[in-house]
């Protein structure tokens, strides 16, 4: 995917609402380690399984957060009862509609990421 370079602060601004509302994701700025992405993978919010990943590139962070948001939209529709690759056209259309608000904020070039979600 060829997209313009996006800084980490720009990504944080674009996804501020998503980050505020997602209980399993946190991005922190530290003095010694820079920007760190924290993800609670325990699924029960116990914080027993937290992944910490350094963030050095805004484009990679943008793609990751956008993909997570696409998955959240997909899950809100299907409740994980179907694999994304086996989704019907109506589900794909509904997910695309839910992602329009974010696509309006993203730089050009990310439009295909929603379609790619259903191919992987």
PDB file of N, CA and C in Angstrom:
ATOM      1  N   UNK A   1       0.850  -1.169   0.000  1.00  0.00           N
ATOM      2  CA  UNK A   1       0.000   0.000   0.000  1.00  0.00           C
ATOM      3  C   UNK A   1       0.896   1.232   0.000  1.00  0.00           C
ATOM      4  N   UNK A   2       0.762   2.060  -0.996  1.00  0.00           N
ATOM      5  CA  UNK A   2       1.549   3.294  -1.090  1.00  0.00           C
ATOM      6  C   UNK A   2       0.733   4.442  -0.526  1.00  0.00           C
ATOM      7  N   UNK A   3       1.211   4.969   0.583  1.00  0.00           N
ATOM      8  CA  UNK A   3       0.527   6.086   1.221  1.00  0.00           C
ATOM      9  C   UNK A   3       1.560   7.111   1.655  1.00  0.00           C
ATOM     10  N   UNK A   4       1.101   8.322   1.847  1.00  0.00           N
ATOM     11  CA  UNK A   4       2.013   9.352   2.319  1.00  0.00           C
ATOM     12  C   UNK A   4       2.443   9.050   3.747  1.00  0.00           C
ATOM     13  N   UNK A   5       3.594   9.562   4.126  1.00  0.00           N
ATOM     14  CA  UNK A   5       4.076   9.348   5.481  1.00  0.00           C
ATOM     15  C   UNK A   5       3.202  10.098   6.468  1.00  0.00           C
ATOM     16  N   UNK A   6       2.862   9.418   7.556  1.00  0.00           N
ATOM     17  CA  UNK A   6       2.033   9.982   8.599  1.00  0.00           C
ATOM     18  C   UNK A   6       2.829   9.898   9.891  1.00  0.00           C
ATOM     19  N   UNK A   7       2.829  10.966  10.650  1.00  0.00           N
ATOM     20  CA  UNK A   7       3.566  10.963  11.911  1.00  0.00           C
ATOM     21  C   UNK A   7       2.745  10.282  13.003  1.00  0.00           C
ATOM     22  N   UNK A   8       3.411   9.853  14.051  1.00  0.00           N
ATOM     23  CA  UNK A   8       2.714   9.233  15.178  1.00  0.00           C
ATOM     24  C   UNK A   8       1.706  10.210  15.799  1.00  0.00           C
ATOM     25  N   UNK A   9       2.078  11.487  16.043  1.00  0.00           N
ATOM     26  CA  UNK A   9       1.063  12.426  16.577  1.00  0.00           C
ATOM     27  C   UNK A   9      -0.161  12.567  15.664  1.00  0.00           C
ATOM     28  N   UNK A  10       0.041  12.535  14.341  1.00  0.00           N
ATOM     29  CA  UNK A  10      -1.098  12.614  13.421  1.00  0.00           C
ATOM     30  C   UNK A  10      -1.999  11.391  13.575  1.00  0.00           C
ATOM     31  N   UNK A  11      -1.396  10.218  13.715  1.00  0.00           N
ATOM     32  CA  UNK A  11      -2.172   8.988  13.885  1.00  0.00           C
ATOM     33  C   UNK A  11      -2.961   9.041  15.192  1.00  0.00           C
ATOM     34  N   UNK A  12      -2.318   9.513  16.246  1.00  0.00           N
ATOM     35  CA  UNK A  12      -3.008   9.612  17.533  1.00  0.00           C
ATOM     36  C   UNK A  12      -4.205  10.554  17.452  1.00  0.00           C
ATOM     37  N   UNK A  13      -4.065  11.608  16.679  1.00  0.00           N
ATOM     38  CA  UNK A  13      -5.181  12.551  16.499  1.00  0.00           C
ATOM     39  C   UNK A  13      -6.304  11.901  15.681  1.00  0.00           C
ATOM     40  N   UNK A  14      -5.939  11.241  14.598  1.00  0.00           N
ATOM     41  CA  UNK A  14      -6.932  10.602  13.723  1.00  0.00           C
ATOM     42  C   UNK A  14      -7.736   9.549  14.482  1.00  0.00           C
ATOM     43  N   UNK A  15      -7.058   8.788  15.340  1.00  0.00           N
ATOM     44  CA  UNK A  15      -7.695   7.677  16.043  1.00  0.00           C
ATOM     45  C   UNK A  15      -8.011   7.994  17.508  1.00  0.00           C
ATOM     46  N   UNK A  16      -8.040   9.259  17.858  1.00  0.00           N
ATOM     47  CA  UNK A  16      -8.248   9.627  19.270  1.00  0.00           C
ATOM     48  C   UNK A  16      -9.545   9.047  19.835  1.00  0.00           C
ATOM     49  N   UNK A  17     -10.624   9.080  19.076  1.00  0.00           N
ATOM     50  CA  UNK A  17     -11.897   8.532  19.561  1.00  0.00           C
ATOM     51  C   UNK A  17     -11.823   7.013  19.703  1.00  0.00           C
ATOM     52  N   UNK A  18     -11.213   6.344  18.755  1.00  0.00           N
ATOM     53  CA  UNK A  18     -11.064   4.892  18.826  1.00  0.00           C
ATOM     54  C   UNK A  18     -10.243   4.496  20.050  1.00  0.00           C
ATOM     55  N   UNK A  19      -9.120   5.180  20.247  1.00  0.00           N
ATOM     56  CA  UNK A  19      -8.251   4.873  21.387  1.00  0.00           C
ATOM     57  C   UNK A  19      -8.940   5.178  22.714  1.00  0.00           C
ATOM     58  N   UNK A  20      -9.729   6.219  22.742  1.00  0.00           N
ATOM     59  CA  UNK A  20     -10.447   6.581  23.966  1.00  0.00           C
ATOM     60  C   UNK A  20     -11.494   5.523  24.339  1.00  0.00           C
ATOM     61  N   UNK A  21     -12.127   4.934  23.331  1.00  0.00           N
ATOM     62  CA  UNK A  21     -13.234   4.008  23.570  1.00  0.00           C
ATOM     63  C   UNK A  21     -12.840   2.539  23.632  1.00  0.00           C
ATOM     64  N   UNK A  22     -11.647   2.187  23.204  1.00  0.00           N
ATOM     65  CA  UNK A  22     -11.219   0.788  23.208  1.00  0.00           C
ATOM     66  C   UNK A  22     -10.538   0.468  24.534  1.00  0.00           C
ATOM     67  N   UNK A  23     -11.129  -0.418  25.307  1.00  0.00           N
ATOM     68  CA  UNK A  23     -10.619  -0.740  26.639  1.00  0.00           C
ATOM     69  C   UNK A  23      -9.365  -1.600  26.606  1.00  0.00           C
ATOM     70  N   UNK A  24      -9.026  -2.171  25.456  1.00  0.00           N
ATOM     71  CA  UNK A  24      -7.908  -3.107  25.375  1.00  0.00           C
ATOM     72  C   UNK A  24      -6.646  -2.526  24.754  1.00  0.00           C
ATOM     73  N   UNK A  25      -6.662  -1.254  24.395  1.00  0.00           N
ATOM     74  CA  UNK A  25      -5.517  -0.645  23.707  1.00  0.00           C
ATOM     75  C   UNK A  25      -5.152   0.665  24.390  1.00  0.00           C
ATOM     76  N   UNK A  26      -3.861   0.859  24.568  1.00  0.00           N
ATOM     77  CA  UNK A  26      -3.353   2.104  25.150  1.00  0.00           C
ATOM     78  C   UNK A  26      -2.040   2.443  24.454  1.00  0.00           C
ATOM     79  N   UNK A  27      -1.839   3.696  24.182  1.00  0.00           N
ATOM     80  CA  UNK A  27      -0.566   4.161  23.636  1.00  0.00           C
ATOM     81  C   UNK A  27       0.003   5.162  24.624  1.00  0.00           C
ATOM     82  N   UNK A  28       1.239   4.898  25.044  1.00  0.00           N
ATOM     83  CA  UNK A  28       1.866   5.754  26.041  1.00  0.00           C
ATOM     84  C   UNK A  28       3.196   6.273  25.531  1.00  0.00           C
ATOM     85  N   UNK A  29       3.550   7.454  25.981  1.00  0.00           N
ATOM     86  CA  UNK A  29       4.841   8.074  25.677  1.00  0.00           C
ATOM     87  C   UNK A  29       5.693   7.980  26.936  1.00  0.00           C
ATOM     88  N   UNK A  30       6.845   7.363  26.826  1.00  0.00           N
ATOM     89  CA  UNK A  30       7.742   7.256  27.967  1.00  0.00           C
ATOM     90  C   UNK A  30       9.012   8.051  27.706  1.00  0.00           C
ATOM     91  N   UNK A  31       9.696   8.447  28.760  1.00  0.00           N
ATOM     92  CA  UNK A  31      10.948   9.188  28.611  1.00  0.00           C
ATOM     93  C   UNK A  31      12.046   8.313  28.034  1.00  0.00           C
ATOM     94  N   UNK A  32      12.131   7.080  28.494  1.00  0.00           N
ATOM     95  CA  UNK A  32      13.237   6.216  28.130  1.00  0.00           C
ATOM     96  C   UNK A  32      12.963   5.321  26.926  1.00  0.00           C
ATOM     97  N   UNK A  33      11.722   4.948  26.712  1.00  0.00           N
ATOM     98  CA  UNK A  33      11.414   3.965  25.677  1.00  0.00           C
ATOM     99  C   UNK A  33      10.593   4.516  24.525  1.00  0.00           C
ATOM    100  N   UNK A  34      10.313   5.796  24.535  1.00  0.00           N
ATOM    101  CA  UNK A  34       9.544   6.378  23.443  1.00  0.00           C
ATOM    102  C   UNK A  34       8.076   6.009  23.508  1.00  0.00           C
ATOM    103  N   UNK A  35       7.459   5.896  22.354  1.00  0.00           N
ATOM    104  CA  UNK A  35       6.036   5.578  22.261  1.00  0.00           C
ATOM    105  C   UNK A  35       5.871   4.056  22.295  1.00  0.00           C
ATOM    106  N   UNK A  36       4.951   3.600  23.145  1.00  0.00           N
ATOM    107  CA  UNK A  36       4.722   2.171  23.310  1.00  0.00           C
ATOM    108  C   UNK A  36       3.231   1.892  23.139  1.00  0.00           C
ATOM    109  N   UNK A  37       2.918   0.878  22.345  1.00  0.00           N
ATOM    110  CA  UNK A  37       1.548   0.420  22.155  1.00  0.00           C
ATOM    111  C   UNK A  37       1.319  -0.750  23.100  1.00  0.00           C
ATOM    112  N   UNK A  38       0.320  -0.628  23.964  1.00  0.00           N
ATOM    113  CA  UNK A  38      -0.038  -1.687  24.904  1.00  0.00           C
ATOM    114  C   UNK A  38      -1.364  -2.290  24.463  1.00  0.00           C
ATOM    115  N   UNK A  39      -1.416  -3.621  24.463  1.00  0.00           N
ATOM    116  CA  UNK A  39      -2.642  -4.307  24.079  1.00  0.00           C
ATOM    117  C   UNK A  39      -2.931  -5.409  25.090  1.00  0.00           C
ATOM    118  N   UNK A  40      -4.120  -5.356  25.681  1.00  0.00           N
ATOM    119  CA  UNK A  40      -4.555  -6.395  26.607  1.00  0.00           C
ATOM    120  C   UNK A  40      -5.182  -7.507  25.781  1.00  0.00           C
ATOM    121  N   UNK A  41      -4.520  -8.663  25.718  1.00  0.00           N
ATOM    122  CA  UNK A  41      -5.052  -9.774  24.934  1.00  0.00           C
ATOM    123  C   UNK A  41      -5.773 -10.790  25.810  1.00  0.00           C
ATOM    124  N   UNK A  42      -5.997 -10.473  27.089  1.00  0.00           N
ATOM    125  CA  UNK A  42      -6.670 -11.403  27.994  1.00  0.00           C
ATOM    126  C   UNK A  42      -8.156 -11.533  27.680  1.00  0.00           C
ATOM    127  N   UNK A  43      -8.717 -10.602  26.951  1.00  0.00           N
ATOM    128  CA  UNK A  43     -10.121 -10.578  26.525  1.00  0.00           C
ATOM    129  C   UNK A  43     -11.125 -10.439  27.666  1.00  0.00           C
ATOM    130  N   UNK A  44     -10.663 -10.540  28.901  1.00  0.00           N
ATOM    131  CA  UNK A  44     -11.586 -10.347  30.019  1.00  0.00           C
ATOM    132  C   UNK A  44     -11.199  -9.108  30.829  1.00  0.00           C
ATOM    133  N   UNK A  45     -10.335  -8.295  30.251  1.00  0.00           N
ATOM    134  CA  UNK A  45      -9.867  -7.052  30.861  1.00  0.00           C
ATOM    135  C   UNK A  45      -9.165  -7.270  32.197  1.00  0.00           C
ATOM    136  N   UNK A  46      -8.620  -8.467  32.407  1.00  0.00           N
ATOM    137  CA  UNK A  46      -7.924  -8.753  33.656  1.00  0.00           C
ATOM    138  C   UNK A  46      -6.526  -8.143  33.670  1.00  0.00           C
ATOM    139  N   UNK A  47      -6.042  -7.753  32.504  1.00  0.00           N
ATOM    140  CA  UNK A  47      -4.700  -7.178  32.334  1.00  0.00           C
ATOM    141  C   UNK A  47      -3.600  -8.188  32.668  1.00  0.00           C
ATOM    142  N   UNK A  48      -3.955  -9.483  32.644  1.00  0.00           N
ATOM    143  CA  UNK A  48      -2.972 -10.525  32.914  1.00  0.00           C
ATOM    144  C   UNK A  48      -2.078 -10.810  31.715  1.00  0.00           C
ATOM    145  N   UNK A  49      -2.526 -10.455  30.521  1.00  0.00           N
ATOM    146  CA  UNK A  49      -1.751 -10.682  29.310  1.00  0.00           C
ATOM    147  C   UNK A  49      -1.682  -9.378  28.514  1.00  0.00           C
ATOM    148  N   UNK A  50      -0.654  -8.602  28.757  1.00  0.00           N
ATOM    149  CA  UNK A  50      -0.495  -7.334  28.054  1.00  0.00           C
ATOM    150  C   UNK A  50       0.733  -7.418  27.160  1.00  0.00           C
ATOM    151  N   UNK A  51       0.522  -7.098  25.891  1.00  0.00           N
ATOM    152  CA  UNK A  51       1.622  -7.022  24.943  1.00  0.00           C
ATOM    153  C   UNK A  51       2.092  -5.574  24.866  1.00  0.00           C
ATOM    154  N   UNK A  52       3.386  -5.386  24.868  1.00  0.00           N
ATOM    155  CA  UNK A  52       3.966  -4.043  24.726  1.00  0.00           C
ATOM    156  C   UNK A  52       4.812  -4.041  23.465  1.00  0.00           C
ATOM    157  N   UNK A  53       4.548  -3.074  22.600  1.00  0.00           N
ATOM    158  CA  UNK A  53       5.249  -2.996  21.324  1.00  0.00           C
ATOM    159  C   UNK A  53       5.727  -1.561  21.090  1.00  0.00           C
ATOM    160  N   UNK A  54       7.016  -1.385  20.827  1.00  0.00           N
ATOM    161  CA  UNK A  54       7.486  -0.032  20.528  1.00  0.00           C
ATOM    162  C   UNK A  54       6.873   0.470  19.215  1.00  0.00           C
ATOM    163  N   UNK A  55       6.577   1.759  19.173  1.00  0.00           N
ATOM    164  CA  UNK A  55       6.003   2.374  17.977  1.00  0.00           C
ATOM    165  C   UNK A  55       7.033   3.345  17.422  1.00  0.00           C
ATOM    166  N   UNK A  56       7.531   3.039  16.253  1.00  0.00           N
ATOM    167  CA  UNK A  56       8.556   3.889  15.646  1.00  0.00           C
ATOM    168  C   UNK A  56       8.120   4.504  14.332  1.00  0.00           C
ATOM    169  N   UNK A  57       6.971   4.077  13.815  1.00  0.00           N
ATOM    170  CA  UNK A  57       6.546   4.520  12.494  1.00  0.00           C
ATOM    171  C   UNK A  57       5.044   4.791  12.495  1.00  0.00           C
ATOM    172  N   UNK A  58       4.672   5.998  12.103  1.00  0.00           N
ATOM    173  CA  UNK A  58       3.260   6.370  12.079  1.00  0.00           C
ATOM    174  C   UNK A  58       2.446   5.574  11.085  1.00  0.00           C
ATOM    175  N   UNK A  59       3.028   5.238   9.936  1.00  0.00           N
ATOM    176  CA  UNK A  59       2.284   4.478   8.924  1.00  0.00           C
ATOM    177  C   UNK A  59       1.925   3.080   9.431  1.00  0.00           C
ATOM    178  N   UNK A  60       2.878   2.424  10.096  1.00  0.00           N
ATOM    179  CA  UNK A  60       2.615   1.086  10.626  1.00  0.00           C
ATOM    180  C   UNK A  60       1.554   1.151  11.719  1.00  0.00           C
ATOM    181  N   UNK A  61       1.646   2.154  12.586  1.00  0.00           N
ATOM    182  CA  UNK A  61       0.647   2.320  13.636  1.00  0.00           C
ATOM    183  C   UNK A  61      -0.729   2.582  13.034  1.00  0.00           C
ATOM    184  N   UNK A  62      -0.797   3.418  12.015  1.00  0.00           N
ATOM    185  CA  UNK A  62      -2.064   3.726  11.358  1.00  0.00           C
ATOM    186  C   UNK A  62      -2.691   2.457  10.787  1.00  0.00           C
ATOM    187  N   UNK A  63      -1.904   1.668  10.067  1.00  0.00           N
ATOM    188  CA  UNK A  63      -2.432   0.436   9.476  1.00  0.00           C
ATOM    189  C   UNK A  63      -2.936  -0.521  10.551  1.00  0.00           C
ATOM    190  N   UNK A  64      -2.199  -0.640  11.640  1.00  0.00           N
ATOM    191  CA  UNK A  64      -2.591  -1.543  12.723  1.00  0.00           C
ATOM    192  C   UNK A  64      -3.896  -1.084  13.365  1.00  0.00           C
ATOM    193  N   UNK A  65      -3.982   0.193  13.725  1.00  0.00           N
ATOM    194  CA  UNK A  65      -5.195   0.706  14.365  1.00  0.00           C
ATOM    195  C   UNK A  65      -6.394   0.635  13.433  1.00  0.00           C
ATOM    196  N   UNK A  66      -6.181   0.938  12.159  1.00  0.00           N
ATOM    197  CA  UNK A  66      -7.280   0.882  11.199  1.00  0.00           C
ATOM    198  C   UNK A  66      -7.766  -0.553  11.045  1.00  0.00           C
ATOM    199  N   UNK A  67      -6.846  -1.491  10.983  1.00  0.00           N
ATOM    200  CA  UNK A  67      -7.245  -2.889  10.863  1.00  0.00           C
ATOM    201  C   UNK A  67      -8.007  -3.347  12.106  1.00  0.00           C
ATOM    202  N   UNK A  68      -7.564  -2.915  13.290  1.00  0.00           N
ATOM    203  CA  UNK A  68      -8.292  -3.256  14.513  1.00  0.00           C
ATOM    204  C   UNK A  68      -9.699  -2.674  14.484  1.00  0.00           C
ATOM    205  N   UNK A  69      -9.818  -1.465  13.985  1.00  0.00           N
ATOM    206  CA  UNK A  69     -11.145  -0.841  13.935  1.00  0.00           C
ATOM    207  C   UNK A  69     -12.035  -1.554  12.923  1.00  0.00           C
ATOM    208  N   UNK A  70     -11.454  -1.982  11.811  1.00  0.00           N
ATOM    209  CA  UNK A  70     -12.225  -2.755  10.829  1.00  0.00           C
ATOM    210  C   UNK A  70     -12.720  -4.045  11.476  1.00  0.00           C
ATOM    211  N   UNK A  71     -11.828  -4.717  12.210  1.00  0.00           N
ATOM    212  CA  UNK A  71     -12.233  -5.955  12.885  1.00  0.00           C
ATOM    213  C   UNK A  71     -13.357  -5.681  13.885  1.00  0.00           C
ATOM    214  N   UNK A  72     -13.248  -4.609  14.645  1.00  0.00           N
ATOM    215  CA  UNK A  72     -14.297  -4.270  15.607  1.00  0.00           C
ATOM    216  C   UNK A  72     -15.635  -4.054  14.907  1.00  0.00           C
ATOM    217  N   UNK A  73     -15.602  -3.380  13.758  1.00  0.00           N
ATOM    218  CA  UNK A  73     -16.837  -3.164  12.994  1.00  0.00           C
ATOM    219  C   UNK A  73     -17.387  -4.503  12.503  1.00  0.00           C
ATOM    220  N   UNK A  74     -16.507  -5.348  11.996  1.00  0.00           N
ATOM    221  CA  UNK A  74     -16.897  -6.676  11.529  1.00  0.00           C
ATOM    222  C   UNK A  74     -17.495  -7.493  12.671  1.00  0.00           C
ATOM    223  N   UNK A  75     -16.828  -7.469  13.823  1.00  0.00           N
ATOM    224  CA  UNK A  75     -17.300  -8.228  14.981  1.00  0.00           C
ATOM    225  C   UNK A  75     -18.663  -7.713  15.460  1.00  0.00           C
ATOM    226  N   UNK A  76     -18.876  -6.405  15.408  1.00  0.00           N
ATOM    227  CA  UNK A  76     -20.155  -5.848  15.856  1.00  0.00           C
ATOM    228  C   UNK A  76     -21.313  -6.333  14.984  1.00  0.00           C
ATOM    229  N   UNK A  77     -21.003  -6.702  13.750  1.00  0.00           N
ATOM    230  CA  UNK A  77     -22.032  -7.191  12.826  1.00  0.00           C
ATOM    231  C   UNK A  77     -22.190  -8.707  12.914  1.00  0.00           C
ATOM    232  N   UNK A  78     -21.069  -9.429  12.968  1.00  0.00           N
ATOM    233  CA  UNK A  78     -21.111 -10.895  12.865  1.00  0.00           C
ATOM    234  C   UNK A  78     -20.953 -11.623  14.194  1.00  0.00           C
ATOM    235  N   UNK A  79     -20.457 -10.937  15.214  1.00  0.00           N
ATOM    236  CA  UNK A  79     -20.174 -11.552  16.517  1.00  0.00           C
ATOM    237  C   UNK A  79     -19.250 -12.762  16.375  1.00  0.00           C
ATOM    238  N   UNK A  80     -18.344 -12.688  15.378  1.00  0.00           N
ATOM    239  CA  UNK A  80     -17.322 -13.713  15.113  1.00  0.00           C
ATOM    240  C   UNK A  80     -17.926 -15.075  14.768  1.00  0.00           C
ATOM    241  N   UNK A  81     -19.114 -15.080  14.231  1.00  0.00           N
ATOM    242  CA  UNK A  81     -19.747 -16.342  13.844  1.00  0.00           C
ATOM    243  C   UNK A  81     -19.351 -16.759  12.434  1.00  0.00           C
ATOM    244  N   UNK A  82     -18.612 -15.913  11.754  1.00  0.00           N
ATOM    245  CA  UNK A  82     -18.160 -16.214  10.397  1.00  0.00           C
ATOM    246  C   UNK A  82     -16.749 -15.664  10.232  1.00  0.00           C
ATOM    247  N   UNK A  83     -15.956 -16.339   9.442  1.00  0.00           N
ATOM    248  CA  UNK A  83     -14.615 -15.874   9.124  1.00  0.00           C
ATOM    249  C   UNK A  83     -14.735 -14.727   8.122  1.00  0.00           C
ATOM    250  N   UNK A  84     -13.889 -13.695   8.247  1.00  0.00           N
ATOM    251  CA  UNK A  84     -13.976 -12.582   7.288  1.00  0.00           C
ATOM    252  C   UNK A  84     -13.920 -13.040   5.824  1.00  0.00           C
ATOM    253  N   UNK A  85     -13.134 -14.059   5.525  1.00  0.00           N
ATOM    254  CA  UNK A  85     -13.019 -14.554   4.143  1.00  0.00           C
ATOM    255  C   UNK A  85     -14.325 -15.155   3.633  1.00  0.00           C
ATOM    256  N   UNK A  86     -15.192 -15.584   4.546  1.00  0.00           N
ATOM    257  CA  UNK A  86     -16.465 -16.200   4.153  1.00  0.00           C
ATOM    258  C   UNK A  86     -17.642 -15.237   4.278  1.00  0.00           C
ATOM    259  N   UNK A  87     -17.350 -13.962   4.383  1.00  0.00           N
ATOM    260  CA  UNK A  87     -18.404 -12.961   4.550  1.00  0.00           C
ATOM    261  C   UNK A  87     -19.202 -12.772   3.276  1.00  0.00           C
ATOM    262  N   UNK A  88     -20.500 -12.528   3.460  1.00  0.00           N
ATOM    263  CA  UNK A  88     -21.331 -12.238   2.301  1.00  0.00           C
ATOM    264  C   UNK A  88     -21.206 -10.757   1.930  1.00  0.00           C
ATOM    265  N   UNK A  89     -21.738 -10.409   0.787  1.00  0.00           N
ATOM    266  CA  UNK A  89     -21.610  -9.038   0.277  1.00  0.00           C
ATOM    267  C   UNK A  89     -22.291  -8.018   1.182  1.00  0.00           C
ATOM    268  N   UNK A  90     -23.385  -8.403   1.806  1.00  0.00           N
ATOM    269  CA  UNK A  90     -24.093  -7.485   2.703  1.00  0.00           C
ATOM    270  C   UNK A  90     -23.225  -7.127   3.908  1.00  0.00           C
ATOM    271  N   UNK A  91     -22.543  -8.102   4.474  1.00  0.00           N
ATOM    272  CA  UNK A  91     -21.650  -7.849   5.603  1.00  0.00           C
ATOM    273  C   UNK A  91     -20.519  -6.928   5.183  1.00  0.00           C
ATOM    274  N   UNK A  92     -19.921  -7.195   4.041  1.00  0.00           N
ATOM    275  CA  UNK A  92     -18.828  -6.355   3.535  1.00  0.00           C
ATOM    276  C   UNK A  92     -19.308  -4.918   3.345  1.00  0.00           C
ATOM    277  N   UNK A  93     -20.501  -4.779   2.788  1.00  0.00           N
ATOM    278  CA  UNK A  93     -21.065  -3.448   2.549  1.00  0.00           C
ATOM    279  C   UNK A  93     -21.288  -2.709   3.869  1.00  0.00           C
ATOM    280  N   UNK A  94     -21.791  -3.413   4.879  1.00  0.00           N
ATOM    281  CA  UNK A  94     -22.053  -2.790   6.176  1.00  0.00           C
ATOM    282  C   UNK A  94     -20.756  -2.365   6.861  1.00  0.00           C
ATOM    283  N   UNK A  95     -19.720  -3.208   6.786  1.00  0.00           N
ATOM    284  CA  UNK A  95     -18.430  -2.853   7.374  1.00  0.00           C
ATOM    285  C   UNK A  95     -17.854  -1.627   6.656  1.00  0.00           C
ATOM    286  N   UNK A  96     -17.902  -1.620   5.335  1.00  0.00           N
ATOM    287  CA  UNK A  96     -17.399  -0.468   4.572  1.00  0.00           C
ATOM    288  C   UNK A  96     -18.124   0.810   4.972  1.00  0.00           C
ATOM    289  N   UNK A  97     -19.430   0.704   5.175  1.00  0.00           N
ATOM    290  CA  UNK A  97     -20.203   1.881   5.571  1.00  0.00           C
ATOM    291  C   UNK A  97     -19.760   2.379   6.948  1.00  0.00           C
ATOM    292  N   UNK A  98     -19.531   1.437   7.883  1.00  0.00           N
ATOM    293  CA  UNK A  98     -19.070   1.821   9.219  1.00  0.00           C
ATOM    294  C   UNK A  98     -17.689   2.469   9.176  1.00  0.00           C
ATOM    295  N   UNK A  99     -16.873   2.126   8.209  1.00  0.00           N
ATOM    296  CA  UNK A  99     -15.507   2.637   8.141  1.00  0.00           C
ATOM    297  C   UNK A  99     -15.394   3.945   7.361  1.00  0.00           C
ATOM    298  N   UNK A 100     -16.456   4.417   6.763  1.00  0.00           N
ATOM    299  CA  UNK A 100     -16.404   5.646   5.967  1.00  0.00           C
ATOM    300  C   UNK A 100     -15.961   6.850   6.784  1.00  0.00           C
ATOM    301  N   UNK A 101     -16.416   6.930   8.029  1.00  0.00           N
ATOM    302  CA  UNK A 101     -16.037   8.079   8.858  1.00  0.00           C
ATOM    303  C   UNK A 101     -14.519   8.128   9.054  1.00  0.00           C
ATOM    304  N   UNK A 102     -13.894   6.975   9.230  1.00  0.00           N
ATOM    305  CA  UNK A 102     -12.440   6.947   9.436  1.00  0.00           C
ATOM    306  C   UNK A 102     -11.705   7.212   8.127  1.00  0.00           C
ATOM    307  N   UNK A 103     -12.199   6.641   7.039  1.00  0.00           N
ATOM    308  CA  UNK A 103     -11.548   6.846   5.743  1.00  0.00           C
ATOM    309  C   UNK A 103     -11.505   8.321   5.364  1.00  0.00           C
ATOM    310  N   UNK A 104     -12.492   9.079   5.799  1.00  0.00           N
ATOM    311  CA  UNK A 104     -12.498  10.518   5.510  1.00  0.00           C
ATOM    312  C   UNK A 104     -11.361  11.237   6.220  1.00  0.00           C
ATOM    313  N   UNK A 105     -10.874  10.662   7.329  1.00  0.00           N
ATOM    314  CA  UNK A 105      -9.793  11.277   8.098  1.00  0.00           C
ATOM    315  C   UNK A 105      -8.408  10.804   7.662  1.00  0.00           C
ATOM    316  N   UNK A 106      -8.366   9.663   6.979  1.00  0.00           N
ATOM    317  CA  UNK A 106      -7.084   9.069   6.597  1.00  0.00           C
ATOM    318  C   UNK A 106      -6.547   9.674   5.310  1.00  0.00           C
ATOM    319  N   UNK A 107      -5.228   9.653   5.148  1.00  0.00           N
ATOM    320  CA  UNK A 107      -4.655  10.079   3.873  1.00  0.00           C
ATOM    321  C   UNK A 107      -5.100   9.131   2.760  1.00  0.00           C
ATOM    322  N   UNK A 108      -5.002   9.576   1.538  1.00  0.00           N
ATOM    323  CA  UNK A 108      -5.354   8.735   0.390  1.00  0.00           C
ATOM    324  C   UNK A 108      -4.497   7.481   0.395  1.00  0.00           C
ATOM    325  N   UNK A 109      -5.073   6.382  -0.047  1.00  0.00           N
ATOM    326  CA  UNK A 109      -4.333   5.142  -0.184  1.00  0.00           C
ATOM    327  C   UNK A 109      -4.787   4.041   0.740  1.00  0.00           C
ATOM    328  N   UNK A 110      -5.643   4.354   1.703  1.00  0.00           N
ATOM    329  CA  UNK A 110      -6.079   3.337   2.661  1.00  0.00           C
ATOM    330  C   UNK A 110      -7.438   2.730   2.296  1.00  0.00           C
ATOM    331  N   UNK A 111      -8.020   3.171   1.205  1.00  0.00           N
ATOM    332  CA  UNK A 111      -9.348   2.700   0.819  1.00  0.00           C
ATOM    333  C   UNK A 111      -9.397   1.192   0.622  1.00  0.00           C
ATOM    334  N   UNK A 112      -8.312   0.612   0.128  1.00  0.00           N
ATOM    335  CA  UNK A 112      -8.309  -0.826  -0.169  1.00  0.00           C
ATOM    336  C   UNK A 112      -8.128  -1.684   1.075  1.00  0.00           C
ATOM    337  N   UNK A 113      -7.739  -1.101   2.202  1.00  0.00           N
ATOM    338  CA  UNK A 113      -7.494  -1.898   3.396  1.00  0.00           C
ATOM    339  C   UNK A 113      -8.767  -2.573   3.904  1.00  0.00           C
ATOM    340  N   UNK A 114      -9.909  -1.955   3.695  1.00  0.00           N
ATOM    341  CA  UNK A 114     -11.164  -2.584   4.114  1.00  0.00           C
ATOM    342  C   UNK A 114     -11.415  -3.820   3.264  1.00  0.00           C
ATOM    343  N   UNK A 115     -11.236  -3.709   1.949  1.00  0.00           N
ATOM    344  CA  UNK A 115     -11.407  -4.874   1.065  1.00  0.00           C
ATOM    345  C   UNK A 115     -10.385  -5.960   1.409  1.00  0.00           C
ATOM    346  N   UNK A 116      -9.153  -5.544   1.679  1.00  0.00           N
ATOM    347  CA  UNK A 116      -8.082  -6.508   2.008  1.00  0.00           C
ATOM    348  C   UNK A 116      -8.406  -7.299   3.266  1.00  0.00           C
ATOM    349  N   UNK A 117      -9.139  -6.699   4.198  1.00  0.00           N
ATOM    350  CA  UNK A 117      -9.511  -7.383   5.435  1.00  0.00           C
ATOM    351  C   UNK A 117     -10.276  -8.666   5.133  1.00  0.00           C
ATOM    352  N   UNK A 118     -11.085  -8.649   4.099  1.00  0.00           N
ATOM    353  CA  UNK A 118     -11.921  -9.804   3.766  1.00  0.00           C
ATOM    354  C   UNK A 118     -11.194 -10.846   2.920  1.00  0.00           C
ATOM    355  N   UNK A 119     -10.002 -10.515   2.472  1.00  0.00           N
ATOM    356  CA  UNK A 119      -9.229 -11.426   1.615  1.00  0.00           C
ATOM    357  C   UNK A 119      -8.220 -12.231   2.439  1.00  0.00           C
ATOM    358  N   UNK A 120      -7.655 -11.630   3.473  1.00  0.00           N
ATOM    359  CA  UNK A 120      -6.583 -12.282   4.255  1.00  0.00           C
ATOM    360  C   UNK A 120      -6.986 -13.597   4.834  1.00  0.00           C
TER     361      UNK A 120
END
